[in-house]
Amino acid sequence: MQTTSSTDAREEQHWTCPFCPLLCDDIVIDTAAQTCPRLRDALTHFSDQDTNRCPEIDAQATEFSSALSAAAKILTQAKRPLFGGLATDIAGARALYELAATHGAILDHLHGDALAAGTFAMQDRGAFFTTLSEIRSRADLVIVFACDPSRRYPRFFERAVGLDAQVIHMGSEANNALLKGIDPFDILALWSAQIETGRRHLSDELAALTKRIEAAQYTAFIYEPAALPQPHAALAIEALHRIVKAFNRTVRAGALALTGDDGALSVNQTMTWLSGFPLRTRVAYGEPLDHDAHRYCTESLLKHRHIDALLWVSSFAPEALPASLDDEMPVVVLGHAQTPTLKRKGPTVFIPVATPAMDHTAHLFRVDSSVVAPLNAARKTSLPGVAQVVVELTKQRRPS
């Protein structure tokens, strides 16, 4: 990997990894592949040849200006476009919002289902959230509910959990997990009934765990929205937060959702502060905002042909287009340089873009939403960032 500084300087330079929402900031560039298996896998998608990837129109190489014009034409002709994927940084999200508003587009993220589940729970019941720093400095008991953080977030325990904290897994397949293999909804229903009624004989394991929480200084509940049973993950999140709130009547506790991969949290936060609504919202200048987390789900929109063009953004990895996408629908892809050539029936424009923190400086929200981290580039390439391309597309907007 070509980096931005001398060898001696690189050995001491810490770099922030953009490939998971933990945003680990203690990575040494020259030994990055040894730090985390998820980072190691991500780095396999980068090479010194990335800067040579050309834009394409209908699978044929072309100039950037030609691809830009073709992409602008697709968006201008669309009556109801979807901006999907949205795997980008804060600057990319800001630029995409303006472009979406000029075209009356719907915005949804690659991980929109997980984001929406958390949004539903927050809207319906509220939540007691905690942060990575609070967990590490205060939590003496950590409850990991129905997930295994080490699978997708390999450094979670190393980075967020104090050495003296007790970690208890429940409702998962982890070794020594409480209520192993039991449906998460059944666990939450039983536990909630036990806490609210005081009938602790309903489950000896839950009764013993409740006593431990009541005796702890601070308990952190960890869960992964994407790992919860679908399509009703929001109900499980709501029930879990209800339990956390019940404990807060007498002791201190908070919950942390492990989510926000591929810039999802950053884009969602950006959308919310720009419009007042989270993702799965249609934005258009001169028209009321329209938010509907069910109706504006990417899968549903594609399946029922409720859109007539797709702008797909994927800057962190070469993500495939949605399987439910009609092969004849016009598509614009702002994608990773190693995205395979897109051979489709419908008009297709591909523009290779830079990856945040690999090819350009960036800002991303950390998993706990409490920190916006600045990220430096690990190498030099001539690839344009998502924000740069989108700004040019906005300039080329043609009146309908």
Protein backbone atom coordinates (compact mmCIF):
# COMPACT_ATOMS: atom_id res chain seq x y z
CA MET A 1 0.00 0.00 0.00
CA GLN A 2 1.40 3.39 -0.96
CA THR A 3 1.27 5.70 2.07
CA THR A 4 1.61 9.40 2.57
CA SER A 5 4.75 9.59 4.69
CA SER A 6 8.24 8.16 5.02
CA THR A 7 8.89 4.68 6.37
CA ASP A 8 10.27 5.93 9.68
CA ALA A 9 7.31 8.23 10.23
CA ARG A 10 4.80 5.53 9.29
CA GLU A 11 6.14 3.23 11.99
CA GLU A 12 5.02 5.71 14.65
CA GLN A 13 1.89 7.04 12.96
CA HIS A 14 -1.46 5.82 14.25
CA TRP A 15 -4.28 5.54 11.76
CA THR A 16 -8.05 5.31 12.30
CA CYS A 17 -9.69 2.33 10.62
CA PRO A 18 -12.92 3.12 8.70
CA PHE A 19 -14.06 -0.46 8.11
CA CYS A 20 -16.09 -0.90 11.30
CA PRO A 21 -17.96 1.62 13.45
CA LEU A 22 -15.63 1.10 16.40
CA LEU A 23 -13.23 3.40 14.46
CA CYS A 24 -10.16 1.99 16.20
CA ASP A 25 -7.60 4.80 16.24
CA ASP A 26 -4.53 2.88 17.36
CA ILE A 27 -3.71 1.17 14.04
CA VAL A 28 -0.15 1.33 12.73
CA ILE A 29 -0.38 1.44 8.95
CA ASP A 30 2.54 -0.87 8.22
CA THR A 31 1.17 -3.61 10.49
CA ALA A 32 -2.55 -2.95 9.96
CA ALA A 33 -3.27 -6.41 8.54
CA GLN A 34 -2.07 -7.99 11.78
CA THR A 35 -4.36 -5.92 13.98
CA CYS A 36 -7.87 -7.18 13.23
CA PRO A 37 -9.27 -9.92 10.97
CA ARG A 38 -12.00 -7.63 9.69
CA LEU A 39 -9.45 -4.99 8.73
CA ARG A 40 -7.26 -7.63 7.13
CA ASP A 41 -10.16 -8.80 4.97
CA ALA A 42 -11.02 -5.22 4.00
CA LEU A 43 -7.47 -4.50 2.88
CA THR A 44 -7.59 -7.36 0.38
CA HIS A 45 -9.86 -5.12 -1.74
CA PHE A 46 -7.14 -2.53 -2.34
CA SER A 47 -4.12 -2.49 -4.63
CA ASP A 48 -1.79 -0.03 -6.33
CA GLN A 49 -3.83 -0.51 -9.53
CA ASP A 50 -6.99 1.05 -8.09
CA THR A 51 -6.18 4.48 -9.44
CA ASN A 52 -6.14 3.04 -12.98
CA ARG A 53 -9.81 1.97 -12.89
CA CYS A 54 -11.74 3.88 -15.52
CA PRO A 55 -15.37 4.98 -15.41
CA GLU A 56 -17.69 2.87 -17.55
CA ILE A 57 -20.87 3.33 -19.52
CA ASP A 58 -22.71 0.08 -20.21
CA ALA A 59 -19.56 -1.91 -19.31
CA GLN A 60 -17.36 0.06 -21.71
CA ALA A 61 -14.48 2.21 -20.41
CA THR A 62 -14.91 5.93 -20.87
CA GLU A 63 -13.73 9.32 -19.65
CA PHE A 64 -14.85 10.77 -16.34
CA SER A 65 -16.65 13.67 -18.03
CA SER A 66 -18.61 11.33 -20.29
CA ALA A 67 -19.63 9.11 -17.40
CA LEU A 68 -20.66 12.16 -15.40
CA SER A 69 -22.87 13.41 -18.23
CA ALA A 70 -24.46 9.97 -18.68
CA ALA A 71 -25.13 9.69 -14.96
CA ALA A 72 -26.68 13.15 -14.84
CA LYS A 73 -28.94 12.23 -17.76
CA ILE A 74 -30.21 9.11 -15.97
CA LEU A 75 -31.02 11.09 -12.83
CA THR A 76 -32.64 13.94 -14.74
CA GLN A 77 -34.92 11.59 -16.66
CA ALA A 78 -35.98 9.72 -13.51
CA LYS A 79 -39.30 10.66 -11.91
CA ARG A 80 -38.75 8.74 -8.68
CA PRO A 81 -35.11 7.73 -8.10
CA LEU A 82 -33.71 5.84 -5.13
CA PHE A 83 -30.33 6.73 -3.66
CA GLY A 84 -29.27 3.41 -2.12
CA GLY A 85 -26.21 1.79 -0.62
CA LEU A 86 -25.00 5.18 0.66
CA ALA A 87 -21.77 3.67 1.97
CA THR A 88 -19.87 6.92 2.37
CA ASP A 89 -18.65 9.46 4.92
CA ILE A 90 -20.26 12.62 6.31
CA ALA A 91 -19.10 14.83 3.44
CA GLY A 92 -20.49 12.34 0.93
CA ALA A 93 -23.79 12.22 2.81
CA ARG A 94 -24.12 16.00 2.82
CA ALA A 95 -23.52 16.19 -0.91
CA LEU A 96 -25.93 13.32 -1.60
CA TYR A 97 -28.68 15.03 0.37
CA GLU A 98 -28.49 18.12 -1.85
CA LEU A 99 -28.45 16.00 -5.02
CA ALA A 100 -31.40 13.96 -3.74
CA ALA A 101 -33.37 17.11 -3.02
CA THR A 102 -32.85 18.37 -6.59
CA HIS A 103 -34.22 15.11 -8.01
CA GLY A 104 -36.91 14.20 -5.45
CA ALA A 105 -35.04 11.06 -4.44
CA ILE A 106 -35.60 8.55 -1.65
CA LEU A 107 -32.57 7.78 0.54
CA ASP A 108 -31.88 4.41 2.16
CA HIS A 109 -28.69 2.73 3.36
CA LEU A 110 -27.22 -0.69 2.68
CA HIS A 111 -27.91 -1.46 6.38
CA GLY A 112 -31.25 0.32 6.44
CA ASP A 113 -33.09 -2.56 8.13
CA ALA A 114 -30.84 -2.46 11.20
CA LEU A 115 -31.02 1.33 11.37
CA ALA A 116 -34.80 1.37 11.04
CA ALA A 117 -35.23 -1.17 13.84
CA GLY A 118 -33.39 1.11 16.24
CA THR A 119 -35.34 4.14 15.03
CA PHE A 120 -38.69 2.41 15.60
CA ALA A 121 -37.73 1.49 19.16
CA MET A 122 -36.50 5.00 19.93
CA GLN A 123 -39.66 6.60 18.52
CA ASP A 124 -42.00 4.28 20.41
CA ARG A 125 -40.35 3.96 23.82
CA GLY A 126 -37.13 5.94 24.05
CA ALA A 127 -33.89 4.41 25.29
CA PHE A 128 -31.09 4.47 27.86
CA PHE A 129 -27.94 4.56 25.73
CA THR A 130 -24.36 4.33 26.88
CA THR A 131 -21.00 5.00 25.21
CA LEU A 132 -17.78 3.09 24.64
CA SER A 133 -15.96 5.34 27.10
CA GLU A 134 -18.60 4.88 29.78
CA ILE A 135 -18.56 1.11 29.36
CA ARG A 136 -14.79 0.94 29.64
CA SER A 137 -14.49 3.33 32.60
CA ARG A 138 -17.62 2.50 34.61
CA ALA A 139 -19.21 -0.83 33.70
CA ASP A 140 -18.34 -3.67 36.06
CA LEU A 141 -20.94 -5.95 34.46
CA VAL A 142 -21.53 -6.37 30.71
CA ILE A 143 -24.54 -8.30 29.42
CA VAL A 144 -24.18 -9.43 25.80
CA PHE A 145 -27.65 -10.20 24.50
CA ALA A 146 -28.36 -12.61 21.62
CA CYS A 147 -25.18 -11.89 19.67
CA ASP A 148 -21.45 -12.52 19.47
CA PRO A 149 -19.74 -9.14 19.03
CA SER A 150 -16.41 -10.75 18.15
CA ARG A 151 -17.74 -12.00 14.81
CA ARG A 152 -18.31 -8.61 13.19
CA TYR A 153 -16.47 -6.38 15.65
CA PRO A 154 -13.36 -8.41 16.56
CA ARG A 155 -11.81 -5.76 18.81
CA PHE A 156 -14.95 -4.79 20.73
CA PHE A 157 -14.00 -6.41 24.03
CA GLU A 158 -10.41 -5.24 23.77
CA ARG A 159 -11.40 -1.66 23.03
CA ALA A 160 -14.55 -1.17 25.08
CA VAL A 161 -14.66 -3.50 28.06
CA GLY A 162 -12.52 -2.95 31.16
CA LEU A 163 -10.23 -5.72 32.35
CA ASP A 164 -12.12 -6.08 35.64
CA ALA A 165 -15.60 -6.17 34.13
CA GLN A 166 -17.58 -9.40 34.21
CA VAL A 167 -19.04 -10.38 30.83
CA ILE A 168 -22.17 -12.52 30.65
CA HIS A 169 -23.57 -13.83 27.37
CA MET A 170 -27.25 -14.71 27.17
CA GLY A 171 -29.58 -15.99 24.49
CA SER A 172 -26.76 -16.82 22.08
CA GLU A 173 -24.66 -19.82 21.05
CA ALA A 174 -21.61 -18.61 22.98
CA ASN A 175 -19.99 -21.05 25.39
CA ASN A 176 -21.53 -20.83 28.88
CA ALA A 177 -24.27 -18.47 27.65
CA LEU A 178 -27.31 -18.18 29.88
CA LEU A 179 -30.52 -19.48 28.31
CA LYS A 180 -28.50 -20.73 25.36
CA GLY A 181 -30.54 -21.34 22.25
CA ILE A 182 -33.74 -19.85 23.72
CA ASP A 183 -35.70 -17.49 21.47
CA PRO A 184 -34.71 -13.89 22.32
CA PHE A 185 -38.37 -12.81 22.41
CA ASP A 186 -39.16 -15.50 24.98
CA ILE A 187 -36.21 -14.39 27.13
CA LEU A 188 -37.25 -10.75 27.02
CA ALA A 189 -40.91 -11.51 27.75
CA LEU A 190 -40.03 -13.71 30.73
CA TRP A 191 -37.45 -11.31 32.09
CA SER A 192 -39.75 -8.31 31.73
CA ALA A 193 -42.58 -10.12 33.53
CA GLN A 194 -40.20 -11.14 36.28
CA ILE A 195 -38.85 -7.62 36.81
CA GLU A 196 -42.23 -5.88 36.67
CA THR A 197 -44.10 -8.37 38.88
CA GLY A 198 -41.28 -9.41 41.21
CA ARG A 199 -42.10 -13.09 40.52
CA ARG A 200 -38.51 -14.27 40.33
CA HIS A 201 -39.42 -17.93 40.50
CA LEU A 202 -40.30 -17.75 36.80
CA SER A 203 -36.65 -18.39 35.92
CA ASP A 204 -33.83 -19.17 38.33
CA GLU A 205 -31.19 -18.07 35.81
CA LEU A 206 -32.85 -14.71 35.20
CA ALA A 207 -33.47 -14.24 38.92
CA ALA A 208 -29.78 -14.78 39.66
CA LEU A 209 -28.78 -12.42 36.84
CA THR A 210 -31.18 -9.77 38.11
CA LYS A 211 -29.53 -9.93 41.55
CA ARG A 212 -26.10 -9.48 39.97
CA ILE A 213 -27.28 -6.43 38.06
CA GLU A 214 -28.83 -4.95 41.20
CA ALA A 215 -25.51 -5.41 43.00
CA ALA A 216 -23.37 -4.00 40.18
CA GLN A 217 -22.08 -0.45 40.04
CA TYR A 218 -22.99 -0.07 36.36
CA THR A 219 -24.32 -2.60 33.85
CA ALA A 220 -23.93 -2.29 30.09
CA PHE A 221 -26.28 -4.21 27.79
CA ILE A 222 -24.80 -4.97 24.35
CA TYR A 223 -26.84 -6.06 21.34
CA GLU A 224 -26.64 -6.13 17.54
CA PRO A 225 -29.81 -5.04 15.71
CA ALA A 226 -28.79 -7.04 12.62
CA ALA A 227 -28.42 -10.23 14.71
CA LEU A 228 -31.91 -10.04 16.24
CA PRO A 229 -34.79 -12.04 14.74
CA GLN A 230 -36.22 -10.40 11.63
CA PRO A 231 -38.51 -8.80 10.61
CA HIS A 232 -39.48 -7.73 14.13
CA ALA A 233 -36.10 -6.73 15.56
CA ALA A 234 -37.56 -3.38 16.64
CA LEU A 235 -39.84 -5.15 19.12
CA ALA A 236 -36.90 -6.99 20.66
CA ILE A 237 -34.92 -3.73 20.95
CA GLU A 238 -37.90 -2.01 22.53
CA ALA A 239 -38.32 -4.84 25.06
CA LEU A 240 -34.62 -4.81 25.92
CA HIS A 241 -34.63 -1.06 26.53
CA ARG A 242 -37.74 -1.44 28.66
CA ILE A 243 -35.79 -3.82 30.89
CA VAL A 244 -32.85 -1.42 31.02
CA LYS A 245 -35.19 1.41 32.03
CA ALA A 246 -36.73 -0.78 34.75
CA PHE A 247 -33.29 -1.41 36.25
CA ASN A 248 -32.58 2.33 36.22
CA ARG A 249 -35.24 2.85 38.88
CA THR A 250 -32.77 1.59 41.46
CA VAL A 251 -29.36 1.09 39.80
CA ARG A 252 -27.41 2.42 36.81
CA ALA A 253 -27.51 0.68 33.43
CA GLY A 254 -27.27 1.58 29.75
CA ALA A 255 -27.44 -0.12 26.35
CA LEU A 256 -25.19 -0.02 23.30
CA ALA A 257 -26.28 -1.10 19.82
CA LEU A 258 -23.47 -2.48 17.69
CA THR A 259 -24.48 -1.09 14.32
CA GLY A 260 -23.58 1.63 11.82
CA ASP A 261 -21.30 -0.30 9.45
CA ASP A 262 -20.22 1.16 6.09
CA GLY A 263 -20.97 4.72 7.17
CA ALA A 264 -24.59 3.87 8.05
CA LEU A 265 -24.61 5.76 11.33
CA SER A 266 -22.82 8.75 9.80
CA VAL A 267 -25.26 9.01 6.90
CA ASN A 268 -28.25 8.58 9.20
CA GLN A 269 -27.03 11.29 11.56
CA THR A 270 -26.30 13.62 8.65
CA MET A 271 -29.76 13.05 7.17
CA THR A 272 -31.38 13.73 10.52
CA TRP A 273 -29.65 17.02 11.18
CA LEU A 274 -30.21 18.26 7.61
CA SER A 275 -33.88 17.32 7.36
CA GLY A 276 -35.16 16.43 10.82
CA PHE A 277 -35.85 12.87 9.63
CA PRO A 278 -33.68 9.74 9.51
CA LEU A 279 -33.05 7.65 6.41
CA ARG A 280 -35.88 6.17 4.37
CA THR A 281 -37.09 9.66 3.61
CA ARG A 282 -37.97 11.24 0.26
CA VAL A 283 -36.54 14.74 -0.09
CA ALA A 284 -37.40 17.31 -2.77
CA TYR A 285 -36.94 21.06 -2.86
CA GLY A 286 -40.29 22.82 -2.63
CA GLU A 287 -42.14 19.72 -1.36
CA PRO A 288 -42.87 18.36 2.13
CA LEU A 289 -40.43 15.76 3.46
CA ASP A 290 -41.87 12.24 3.41
CA HIS A 291 -40.47 9.69 5.86
CA ASP A 292 -41.72 6.10 5.89
CA ALA A 293 -39.37 3.41 7.19
CA HIS A 294 -41.56 0.61 5.84
CA ARG A 295 -42.57 1.96 2.42
CA TYR A 296 -39.13 3.37 1.60
CA CYS A 297 -37.19 0.18 2.31
CA THR A 298 -34.83 -0.57 -0.60
CA GLU A 299 -36.03 -4.17 -0.94
CA SER A 300 -39.69 -3.15 -1.05
CA LEU A 301 -39.11 -0.29 -3.49
CA LEU A 302 -37.23 -2.55 -5.90
CA LYS A 303 -39.54 -5.52 -5.55
CA HIS A 304 -42.66 -3.50 -6.33
CA ARG A 305 -41.01 -1.26 -8.95
CA HIS A 306 -41.87 1.91 -7.05
CA ILE A 307 -38.75 3.64 -8.38
CA ASP A 308 -37.49 4.21 -11.91
CA ALA A 309 -33.74 4.69 -11.35
CA LEU A 310 -31.11 3.76 -8.78
CA LEU A 311 -28.05 5.66 -7.63
CA TRP A 312 -25.93 3.12 -5.73
CA VAL A 313 -23.08 4.34 -3.52
CA SER A 314 -20.48 1.88 -2.25
CA SER A 315 -17.13 3.40 -1.35
CA PHE A 316 -15.85 1.11 1.43
CA ALA A 317 -16.00 -2.21 -0.43
CA PRO A 318 -17.14 -3.56 -3.82
CA GLU A 319 -20.74 -4.26 -2.80
CA ALA A 320 -22.98 -6.03 -5.29
CA LEU A 321 -26.15 -4.37 -6.53
CA PRO A 322 -29.34 -5.55 -4.77
CA ALA A 323 -30.49 -8.95 -6.00
CA SER A 324 -34.05 -7.68 -6.45
CA LEU A 325 -32.98 -4.92 -8.86
CA ASP A 326 -34.64 -5.18 -12.27
CA ASP A 327 -31.93 -5.75 -14.87
CA GLU A 328 -33.45 -3.11 -17.16
CA MET A 329 -33.68 -0.30 -14.61
CA PRO A 330 -31.23 2.59 -15.19
CA VAL A 331 -28.43 2.55 -12.63
CA VAL A 332 -25.62 4.88 -11.61
CA VAL A 333 -22.94 3.34 -9.40
CA LEU A 334 -20.43 5.39 -7.44
CA GLY A 335 -18.39 2.41 -6.41
CA HIS A 336 -15.21 0.99 -5.02
CA ALA A 337 -12.43 0.72 -7.59
CA GLN A 338 -12.50 -3.09 -7.48
CA THR A 339 -16.20 -3.35 -8.25
CA PRO A 340 -16.58 -5.90 -11.09
CA THR A 341 -17.63 -4.56 -14.48
CA LEU A 342 -21.40 -4.19 -14.48
CA LYS A 343 -22.95 -5.98 -17.46
CA ARG A 344 -26.67 -5.26 -17.45
CA LYS A 345 -29.49 -4.74 -19.94
CA GLY A 346 -30.48 -1.33 -18.65
CA PRO A 347 -28.42 1.89 -18.90
CA THR A 348 -25.56 1.58 -16.43
CA VAL A 349 -22.94 4.12 -15.46
CA PHE A 350 -20.05 3.25 -13.16
CA ILE A 351 -17.75 5.86 -11.63
CA PRO A 352 -14.94 4.61 -9.37
CA VAL A 353 -14.64 6.57 -6.14
CA ALA A 354 -12.12 6.90 -3.33
CA THR A 355 -12.52 5.16 0.02
CA PRO A 356 -12.70 7.36 3.14
CA ALA A 357 -9.53 7.10 5.26
CA MET A 358 -7.81 5.04 2.58
CA ASP A 359 -7.70 7.59 -0.24
CA HIS A 360 -8.84 10.84 1.37
CA THR A 361 -9.42 12.45 4.74
CA ALA A 362 -12.89 11.97 6.16
CA HIS A 363 -15.15 12.17 9.21
CA LEU A 364 -17.31 9.34 10.55
CA PHE A 365 -19.54 8.86 13.58
CA ARG A 366 -18.40 6.20 16.03
CA VAL A 367 -20.77 3.36 16.93
CA ASP A 368 -22.02 5.09 20.09
CA SER A 369 -22.92 8.33 18.25
CA SER A 370 -20.95 10.35 20.81
CA VAL A 371 -17.81 10.99 18.75
CA VAL A 372 -17.18 12.25 15.23
CA ALA A 373 -13.72 10.96 14.36
CA PRO A 374 -11.40 12.66 11.86
CA LEU A 375 -9.70 10.12 9.59
CA ASN A 376 -6.48 10.61 7.65
CA ALA A 377 -5.69 8.98 4.30
CA ALA A 378 -3.48 5.90 4.30
CA ARG A 379 -2.28 6.29 0.70
CA LYS A 380 -2.33 8.63 -2.28
CA THR A 381 -4.60 8.01 -5.25
CA SER A 382 -6.21 10.19 -7.88
CA LEU A 383 -9.67 8.71 -7.33
CA PRO A 384 -12.35 11.32 -6.57
CA GLY A 385 -14.31 11.08 -3.34
CA VAL A 386 -18.07 10.53 -3.31
CA ALA A 387 -18.65 14.14 -2.29
CA GLN A 388 -16.55 15.41 -5.19
CA VAL A 389 -18.43 13.33 -7.77
CA VAL A 390 -21.84 14.19 -6.33
CA VAL A 391 -21.09 17.91 -6.34
CA GLU A 392 -20.27 17.63 -10.04
CA LEU A 393 -23.51 15.71 -10.66
CA THR A 394 -25.45 18.44 -8.89
CA LYS A 395 -23.84 21.06 -11.13
CA GLN A 396 -24.88 19.10 -14.20
CA ARG A 397 -28.53 18.85 -13.18
CA ARG A 398 -30.75 19.59 -16.15
CA PRO A 399 -34.19 21.18 -15.74
CA SER A 400 -36.97 18.66 -16.29
